[in-house]
Amino acid sequence: ITPKTIIFAASCSVADELELALVNKGYSAASIHYNTPRKKMERVLNEFHSGQLQIVINVMMMNEGFDVKGIGCVVLARPTESELVFVQQMGRGLRKTHDSPNQGVIVLDMCFNLRRRWKRLLHEVASEHLREMILAFWRVDSFVGCPLNESE
């Protein structure tokens, strides 16, 4: 079973291509962006809220003012230098609700947004202190390519 997944894509064409690829693989997926007709957008969001739709691929449509319970995976498939956009996108899945306070969330940062931020922070904060700050904020099981992994 695939958890409810939000994918943040870089462009409308990429979002539509991902939708087609996922649907062809048998997933329940749809893309939304500024070219999406209003009726389709409403249908997609309603189906995602109700759980009828597993995956929504979007381009700047779900960053803020969007709250769905039970998000199990957030895929950051677009680079961003904006701290606000980055936090908003991560927040779609990391927001805890009283209905599921212990639910884990998978975050796939395909564009290394988080890694670039941590590397910048390493110039200002000692590695061990940065590790403590991250672990105090998030219960992290595994991050690839960041100071949490001792072997890297």
N, C-alpha and C. Protein backbone atom coordinates (compact mmCIF):
# COMPACT_ATOMS: atom_id res chain seq x y z
N ILE A 1 0.86 -1.18 0.00
CA ILE A 1 0.00 0.00 0.00
C ILE A 1 0.89 1.24 0.00
N THR A 2 0.61 2.16 -0.90
CA THR A 2 1.35 3.40 -0.98
C THR A 2 0.73 4.42 -0.04
N PRO A 3 1.55 5.08 0.79
CA PRO A 3 0.98 6.12 1.65
C PRO A 3 0.55 7.32 0.81
N LYS A 4 -0.32 8.14 1.37
CA LYS A 4 -0.67 9.39 0.69
C LYS A 4 0.61 10.15 0.43
N THR A 5 0.83 10.52 -0.82
CA THR A 5 2.08 11.12 -1.23
C THR A 5 1.84 12.43 -1.96
N ILE A 6 2.62 13.45 -1.59
CA ILE A 6 2.62 14.72 -2.31
C ILE A 6 3.99 14.87 -2.97
N ILE A 7 3.97 15.11 -4.28
CA ILE A 7 5.21 15.36 -5.02
C ILE A 7 5.21 16.82 -5.46
N PHE A 8 6.29 17.52 -5.14
CA PHE A 8 6.46 18.90 -5.58
C PHE A 8 7.36 18.89 -6.81
N ALA A 9 6.80 19.20 -7.97
CA ALA A 9 7.53 19.17 -9.23
C ALA A 9 7.96 20.57 -9.64
N ALA A 10 8.94 20.62 -10.54
CA ALA A 10 9.52 21.90 -10.96
C ALA A 10 8.72 22.59 -12.06
N SER A 11 7.98 21.84 -12.85
CA SER A 11 7.24 22.46 -13.95
C SER A 11 5.96 21.69 -14.24
N CYS A 12 5.06 22.33 -14.98
CA CYS A 12 3.80 21.69 -15.35
C CYS A 12 4.05 20.45 -16.22
N SER A 13 4.98 20.55 -17.16
CA SER A 13 5.24 19.41 -18.04
C SER A 13 5.81 18.23 -17.26
N VAL A 14 6.69 18.50 -16.29
CA VAL A 14 7.24 17.42 -15.46
C VAL A 14 6.13 16.80 -14.61
N ALA A 15 5.26 17.62 -14.05
CA ALA A 15 4.15 17.10 -13.23
C ALA A 15 3.25 16.20 -14.07
N ASP A 16 2.91 16.64 -15.28
CA ASP A 16 2.04 15.84 -16.14
C ASP A 16 2.72 14.54 -16.57
N GLU A 17 4.02 14.60 -16.85
CA GLU A 17 4.77 13.39 -17.22
C GLU A 17 4.83 12.41 -16.05
N LEU A 18 5.04 12.92 -14.85
CA LEU A 18 5.05 12.04 -13.66
C LEU A 18 3.68 11.39 -13.46
N GLU A 19 2.62 12.17 -13.63
CA GLU A 19 1.27 11.61 -13.51
C GLU A 19 1.10 10.44 -14.47
N LEU A 20 1.43 10.65 -15.72
CA LEU A 20 1.28 9.62 -16.74
C LEU A 20 2.11 8.38 -16.40
N ALA A 21 3.36 8.58 -16.00
CA ALA A 21 4.23 7.45 -15.66
C ALA A 21 3.68 6.67 -14.47
N LEU A 22 3.22 7.37 -13.43
CA LEU A 22 2.69 6.69 -12.25
C LEU A 22 1.39 5.95 -12.55
N VAL A 23 0.50 6.58 -13.30
CA VAL A 23 -0.76 5.93 -13.67
C VAL A 23 -0.47 4.68 -14.51
N ASN A 24 0.49 4.79 -15.42
CA ASN A 24 0.86 3.63 -16.26
C ASN A 24 1.45 2.50 -15.43
N LYS A 25 2.02 2.81 -14.26
CA LYS A 25 2.55 1.79 -13.36
C LYS A 25 1.48 1.26 -12.38
N GLY A 26 0.26 1.79 -12.50
CA GLY A 26 -0.83 1.28 -11.68
C GLY A 26 -1.14 2.08 -10.43
N TYR A 27 -0.50 3.23 -10.26
CA TYR A 27 -0.77 4.06 -9.09
C TYR A 27 -1.93 5.00 -9.37
N SER A 28 -2.61 5.35 -8.32
CA SER A 28 -3.67 6.35 -8.39
C SER A 28 -3.03 7.72 -8.20
N ALA A 29 -2.82 8.45 -9.31
CA ALA A 29 -2.08 9.71 -9.25
C ALA A 29 -2.71 10.75 -10.16
N ALA A 30 -2.51 12.01 -9.80
CA ALA A 30 -2.98 13.12 -10.63
C ALA A 30 -2.08 14.32 -10.40
N SER A 31 -1.95 15.14 -11.43
CA SER A 31 -1.15 16.36 -11.30
C SER A 31 -2.07 17.57 -11.28
N ILE A 32 -1.61 18.61 -10.54
CA ILE A 32 -2.32 19.89 -10.53
C ILE A 32 -1.28 21.02 -10.60
N HIS A 33 -1.66 22.05 -11.32
CA HIS A 33 -0.79 23.22 -11.48
C HIS A 33 -1.64 24.35 -12.04
N TYR A 34 -1.04 25.48 -12.34
CA TYR A 34 -1.81 26.65 -12.75
C TYR A 34 -2.54 26.46 -14.08
N ASN A 35 -2.20 25.44 -14.88
CA ASN A 35 -2.91 25.16 -16.13
C ASN A 35 -4.07 24.18 -15.93
N THR A 36 -4.23 23.66 -14.73
CA THR A 36 -5.28 22.68 -14.45
C THR A 36 -6.64 23.38 -14.36
N PRO A 37 -7.63 22.89 -15.11
CA PRO A 37 -8.97 23.48 -14.98
C PRO A 37 -9.49 23.34 -13.56
N ARG A 38 -10.24 24.34 -13.13
CA ARG A 38 -10.73 24.41 -11.75
C ARG A 38 -11.50 23.15 -11.33
N LYS A 39 -12.36 22.64 -12.20
CA LYS A 39 -13.16 21.45 -11.84
C LYS A 39 -12.26 20.24 -11.59
N LYS A 40 -11.24 20.06 -12.44
CA LYS A 40 -10.32 18.94 -12.23
C LYS A 40 -9.56 19.13 -10.92
N MET A 41 -9.11 20.36 -10.66
CA MET A 41 -8.37 20.61 -9.43
C MET A 41 -9.21 20.28 -8.20
N GLU A 42 -10.46 20.73 -8.20
CA GLU A 42 -11.36 20.44 -7.08
C GLU A 42 -11.57 18.94 -6.92
N ARG A 43 -11.76 18.23 -8.04
CA ARG A 43 -11.95 16.78 -7.99
C ARG A 43 -10.71 16.09 -7.42
N VAL A 44 -9.54 16.47 -7.93
CA VAL A 44 -8.28 15.87 -7.48
C VAL A 44 -8.09 16.08 -5.98
N LEU A 45 -8.28 17.31 -5.52
CA LEU A 45 -8.09 17.61 -4.08
C LEU A 45 -9.10 16.88 -3.22
N ASN A 46 -10.35 16.80 -3.67
CA ASN A 46 -11.37 16.07 -2.90
C ASN A 46 -11.03 14.58 -2.83
N GLU A 47 -10.59 14.00 -3.94
CA GLU A 47 -10.23 12.59 -3.95
C GLU A 47 -9.00 12.32 -3.09
N PHE A 48 -8.07 13.25 -3.07
CA PHE A 48 -6.88 13.09 -2.24
C PHE A 48 -7.25 13.17 -0.76
N HIS A 49 -8.07 14.15 -0.40
CA HIS A 49 -8.54 14.28 0.99
C HIS A 49 -9.24 13.00 1.45
N SER A 50 -10.09 12.45 0.60
CA SER A 50 -10.88 11.28 0.99
C SER A 50 -10.10 9.97 0.94
N GLY A 51 -8.91 9.99 0.34
CA GLY A 51 -8.10 8.79 0.25
C GLY A 51 -8.33 7.99 -1.02
N GLN A 52 -9.19 8.46 -1.93
CA GLN A 52 -9.41 7.77 -3.19
C GLN A 52 -8.21 7.91 -4.12
N LEU A 53 -7.43 8.96 -3.92
CA LEU A 53 -6.26 9.24 -4.74
C LEU A 53 -5.02 9.11 -3.87
N GLN A 54 -4.03 8.35 -4.31
CA GLN A 54 -2.82 8.11 -3.52
C GLN A 54 -1.78 9.21 -3.65
N ILE A 55 -1.61 9.73 -4.86
CA ILE A 55 -0.48 10.62 -5.14
C ILE A 55 -0.96 11.87 -5.88
N VAL A 56 -0.52 13.03 -5.38
CA VAL A 56 -0.76 14.29 -6.10
C VAL A 56 0.58 14.91 -6.42
N ILE A 57 0.78 15.18 -7.70
CA ILE A 57 1.97 15.87 -8.17
C ILE A 57 1.53 17.31 -8.41
N ASN A 58 2.25 18.28 -7.83
CA ASN A 58 1.81 19.66 -7.97
C ASN A 58 2.97 20.59 -8.26
N VAL A 59 2.63 21.74 -8.81
CA VAL A 59 3.59 22.80 -9.06
C VAL A 59 3.07 24.03 -8.34
N MET A 60 3.64 24.31 -7.17
CA MET A 60 3.33 25.50 -6.37
C MET A 60 1.84 25.65 -6.02
N MET A 61 1.12 24.54 -5.95
CA MET A 61 -0.31 24.59 -5.62
C MET A 61 -0.60 24.16 -4.19
N MET A 62 0.33 23.42 -3.57
CA MET A 62 0.06 22.85 -2.26
C MET A 62 1.06 23.33 -1.22
N ASN A 63 1.77 24.40 -1.50
CA ASN A 63 2.78 24.88 -0.56
C ASN A 63 2.16 25.40 0.73
N GLU A 64 1.11 26.18 0.62
CA GLU A 64 0.52 26.78 1.82
C GLU A 64 -1.00 26.69 1.75
N GLY A 65 -1.61 26.76 2.93
CA GLY A 65 -3.07 26.73 3.01
C GLY A 65 -3.65 25.39 2.64
N PHE A 66 -2.87 24.33 2.72
CA PHE A 66 -3.32 23.00 2.33
C PHE A 66 -2.97 22.05 3.45
N ASP A 67 -3.98 21.39 4.00
CA ASP A 67 -3.75 20.48 5.10
C ASP A 67 -4.55 19.20 4.88
N VAL A 68 -3.85 18.10 4.74
CA VAL A 68 -4.49 16.80 4.57
C VAL A 68 -3.93 15.87 5.63
N LYS A 69 -4.80 15.15 6.30
CA LYS A 69 -4.37 14.17 7.30
C LYS A 69 -3.76 12.96 6.60
N GLY A 70 -2.80 12.36 7.29
CA GLY A 70 -2.29 11.08 6.85
C GLY A 70 -1.30 11.11 5.71
N ILE A 71 -0.59 12.23 5.52
CA ILE A 71 0.44 12.27 4.49
C ILE A 71 1.59 11.38 4.96
N GLY A 72 1.94 10.39 4.16
CA GLY A 72 2.99 9.47 4.54
C GLY A 72 4.30 9.69 3.81
N CYS A 73 4.24 10.50 2.72
CA CYS A 73 5.45 10.72 1.94
C CYS A 73 5.38 12.08 1.25
N VAL A 74 6.49 12.81 1.33
CA VAL A 74 6.64 14.08 0.62
C VAL A 74 7.87 13.94 -0.26
N VAL A 75 7.71 14.21 -1.55
CA VAL A 75 8.82 14.13 -2.49
C VAL A 75 9.13 15.55 -2.97
N LEU A 76 10.34 16.00 -2.66
CA LEU A 76 10.80 17.32 -3.11
C LEU A 76 11.56 17.10 -4.41
N ALA A 77 10.85 17.24 -5.53
CA ALA A 77 11.43 16.99 -6.85
C ALA A 77 11.67 18.30 -7.59
N ARG A 78 11.91 19.36 -6.82
CA ARG A 78 12.22 20.65 -7.42
C ARG A 78 13.22 21.36 -6.52
N PRO A 79 14.23 21.97 -7.11
CA PRO A 79 15.17 22.73 -6.28
C PRO A 79 14.55 24.04 -5.83
N THR A 80 14.94 24.49 -4.65
CA THR A 80 14.51 25.81 -4.18
C THR A 80 15.59 26.39 -3.28
N GLU A 81 15.82 27.66 -3.42
CA GLU A 81 16.70 28.39 -2.52
C GLU A 81 15.88 29.13 -1.47
N SER A 82 14.56 29.13 -1.63
CA SER A 82 13.68 29.84 -0.71
C SER A 82 13.46 29.02 0.56
N GLU A 83 13.86 29.58 1.69
CA GLU A 83 13.63 28.89 2.97
C GLU A 83 12.13 28.72 3.22
N LEU A 84 11.34 29.74 2.88
CA LEU A 84 9.90 29.68 3.11
C LEU A 84 9.27 28.55 2.30
N VAL A 85 9.57 28.47 1.03
CA VAL A 85 9.01 27.41 0.18
C VAL A 85 9.46 26.04 0.69
N PHE A 86 10.72 25.91 1.04
CA PHE A 86 11.25 24.65 1.53
C PHE A 86 10.51 24.19 2.79
N VAL A 87 10.37 25.08 3.74
CA VAL A 87 9.69 24.73 5.00
C VAL A 87 8.21 24.42 4.74
N GLN A 88 7.57 25.19 3.88
CA GLN A 88 6.16 24.93 3.57
C GLN A 88 5.99 23.54 2.95
N GLN A 89 6.86 23.19 2.01
CA GLN A 89 6.73 21.89 1.36
C GLN A 89 7.00 20.75 2.34
N MET A 90 8.04 20.86 3.13
CA MET A 90 8.31 19.83 4.14
C MET A 90 7.14 19.73 5.12
N GLY A 91 6.57 20.87 5.45
CA GLY A 91 5.48 20.92 6.43
C GLY A 91 4.22 20.22 6.00
N ARG A 92 4.03 20.00 4.72
CA ARG A 92 2.84 19.27 4.26
C ARG A 92 2.80 17.88 4.86
N GLY A 93 3.94 17.28 5.08
CA GLY A 93 3.97 15.93 5.64
C GLY A 93 4.38 15.88 7.09
N LEU A 94 5.14 16.86 7.55
CA LEU A 94 5.67 16.81 8.91
C LEU A 94 4.71 17.34 9.96
N ARG A 95 3.62 17.94 9.52
CA ARG A 95 2.63 18.44 10.48
C ARG A 95 1.95 17.26 11.17
N LYS A 96 1.97 17.28 12.47
CA LYS A 96 1.32 16.22 13.25
C LYS A 96 -0.12 16.62 13.56
N THR A 97 -0.99 15.64 13.61
CA THR A 97 -2.37 15.89 14.00
C THR A 97 -2.68 15.07 15.24
N HIS A 98 -3.71 15.46 15.95
CA HIS A 98 -4.09 14.70 17.13
C HIS A 98 -4.60 13.31 16.75
N ASP A 99 -5.02 13.13 15.49
CA ASP A 99 -5.49 11.82 15.02
C ASP A 99 -4.34 10.84 14.80
N SER A 100 -3.17 11.35 14.44
CA SER A 100 -2.04 10.46 14.15
C SER A 100 -0.72 11.10 14.61
N PRO A 101 -0.55 11.32 15.93
CA PRO A 101 0.64 12.01 16.41
C PRO A 101 1.94 11.22 16.25
N ASN A 102 1.86 9.90 16.11
CA ASN A 102 3.08 9.09 16.01
C ASN A 102 3.36 8.59 14.59
N GLN A 103 2.61 9.10 13.64
CA GLN A 103 2.79 8.66 12.26
C GLN A 103 4.15 9.11 11.73
N GLY A 104 4.86 8.20 11.12
CA GLY A 104 6.13 8.55 10.48
C GLY A 104 5.88 9.11 9.09
N VAL A 105 6.83 9.87 8.61
CA VAL A 105 6.73 10.47 7.28
C VAL A 105 8.04 10.23 6.55
N ILE A 106 7.95 9.83 5.30
CA ILE A 106 9.11 9.68 4.44
C ILE A 106 9.26 10.98 3.66
N VAL A 107 10.45 11.57 3.71
CA VAL A 107 10.74 12.76 2.90
C VAL A 107 11.86 12.39 1.94
N LEU A 108 11.55 12.48 0.65
CA LEU A 108 12.54 12.22 -0.39
C LEU A 108 12.92 13.56 -1.01
N ASP A 109 14.11 13.99 -0.73
CA ASP A 109 14.61 15.27 -1.25
C ASP A 109 15.47 14.97 -2.47
N MET A 110 14.83 14.88 -3.63
CA MET A 110 15.50 14.48 -4.86
C MET A 110 16.48 15.54 -5.37
N CYS A 111 16.35 16.76 -4.90
CA CYS A 111 17.19 17.87 -5.40
C CYS A 111 18.22 18.33 -4.38
N PHE A 112 18.37 17.59 -3.28
CA PHE A 112 19.36 17.88 -2.25
C PHE A 112 19.19 19.27 -1.63
N ASN A 113 17.95 19.73 -1.52
CA ASN A 113 17.69 21.02 -0.89
C ASN A 113 18.18 21.04 0.55
N LEU A 114 17.86 19.99 1.29
CA LEU A 114 18.24 19.93 2.70
C LEU A 114 19.75 19.80 2.85
N ARG A 115 20.36 19.00 2.02
CA ARG A 115 21.81 18.80 2.11
C ARG A 115 22.55 20.13 1.86
N ARG A 116 22.10 20.90 0.87
CA ARG A 116 22.73 22.21 0.61
C ARG A 116 22.61 23.12 1.82
N ARG A 117 21.45 23.10 2.49
CA ARG A 117 21.25 23.94 3.68
C ARG A 117 22.18 23.50 4.81
N TRP A 118 22.29 22.18 5.03
CA TRP A 118 23.15 21.70 6.10
C TRP A 118 24.61 22.03 5.82
N LYS A 119 25.01 21.93 4.57
CA LYS A 119 26.41 22.27 4.23
C LYS A 119 26.68 23.74 4.51
N ARG A 120 25.71 24.61 4.23
CA ARG A 120 25.89 26.03 4.54
C ARG A 120 25.98 26.23 6.05
N LEU A 121 25.15 25.51 6.79
CA LEU A 121 25.16 25.64 8.25
C LEU A 121 26.47 25.14 8.86
N LEU A 122 27.07 24.14 8.24
CA LEU A 122 28.33 23.61 8.77
C LEU A 122 29.45 24.66 8.80
N HIS A 123 29.31 25.69 8.00
CA HIS A 123 30.29 26.79 8.03
C HIS A 123 30.07 27.69 9.24
N GLU A 124 28.89 27.58 9.86
CA GLU A 124 28.55 28.44 11.00
C GLU A 124 28.43 27.69 12.31
N VAL A 125 28.14 26.38 12.25
CA VAL A 125 27.87 25.59 13.45
C VAL A 125 28.72 24.32 13.39
N ALA A 126 29.29 23.92 14.50
CA ALA A 126 30.07 22.69 14.57
C ALA A 126 29.19 21.49 14.22
N SER A 127 29.77 20.51 13.57
CA SER A 127 29.02 19.35 13.09
C SER A 127 28.22 18.66 14.20
N GLU A 128 28.85 18.41 15.35
CA GLU A 128 28.15 17.73 16.44
C GLU A 128 27.00 18.57 16.98
N HIS A 129 27.19 19.87 17.07
CA HIS A 129 26.12 20.76 17.54
C HIS A 129 24.96 20.77 16.54
N LEU A 130 25.28 20.79 15.25
CA LEU A 130 24.24 20.75 14.22
C LEU A 130 23.47 19.44 14.31
N ARG A 131 24.18 18.35 14.52
CA ARG A 131 23.54 17.04 14.68
C ARG A 131 22.57 17.05 15.87
N GLU A 132 23.00 17.61 17.00
CA GLU A 132 22.13 17.69 18.19
C GLU A 132 20.90 18.54 17.91
N MET A 133 21.09 19.66 17.22
CA MET A 133 19.95 20.54 16.91
C MET A 133 18.93 19.82 16.02
N ILE A 134 19.41 19.10 15.02
CA ILE A 134 18.50 18.39 14.11
C ILE A 134 17.74 17.31 14.87
N LEU A 135 18.46 16.52 15.67
CA LEU A 135 17.81 15.43 16.40
C LEU A 135 16.85 15.94 17.47
N ALA A 136 17.10 17.13 18.01
CA ALA A 136 16.17 17.71 18.97
C ALA A 136 14.89 18.16 18.28
N PHE A 137 15.00 18.52 17.01
CA PHE A 137 13.84 19.01 16.27
C PHE A 137 13.04 17.87 15.66
N TRP A 138 13.74 16.88 15.05
CA TRP A 138 13.10 15.75 14.40
C TRP A 138 13.62 14.45 14.97
N ARG A 139 12.76 13.48 15.07
CA ARG A 139 13.20 12.11 15.35
C ARG A 139 13.56 11.54 13.98
N VAL A 140 14.82 11.42 13.73
CA VAL A 140 15.31 11.04 12.41
C VAL A 140 15.83 9.61 12.44
N ASP A 141 15.34 8.79 11.55
CA ASP A 141 15.85 7.43 11.44
C ASP A 141 17.02 7.36 10.47
N SER A 142 16.91 8.09 9.37
CA SER A 142 17.97 8.01 8.37
C SER A 142 17.90 9.21 7.44
N PHE A 143 19.01 9.88 7.29
CA PHE A 143 19.17 10.91 6.28
C PHE A 143 20.45 10.59 5.53
N VAL A 144 20.39 10.49 4.24
CA VAL A 144 21.56 10.21 3.43
C VAL A 144 22.23 11.52 3.07
N GLY A 145 23.54 11.57 3.25
CA GLY A 145 24.29 12.73 2.82
C GLY A 145 24.22 13.92 3.74
N CYS A 146 24.03 13.69 5.03
CA CYS A 146 23.95 14.80 5.98
C CYS A 146 24.78 14.47 7.22
N PRO A 147 25.01 15.47 8.07
CA PRO A 147 25.86 15.24 9.23
C PRO A 147 25.30 14.28 10.27
N LEU A 148 24.09 13.76 10.07
CA LEU A 148 23.54 12.80 11.04
C LEU A 148 24.20 11.43 10.89
N ASN A 149 24.70 11.17 9.71
CA ASN A 149 25.29 9.87 9.44
C ASN A 149 26.79 9.95 9.71
N GLU A 150 27.22 9.27 10.75
CA GLU A 150 28.61 9.33 11.20
C GLU A 150 29.59 8.92 10.11
N SER A 151 29.21 7.98 9.25
CA SER A 151 30.12 7.42 8.28
C SER A 151 30.39 8.34 7.08
N GLU A 152 29.60 9.40 6.93
CA GLU A 152 29.77 10.26 5.75
C GLU A 152 30.67 11.41 6.02
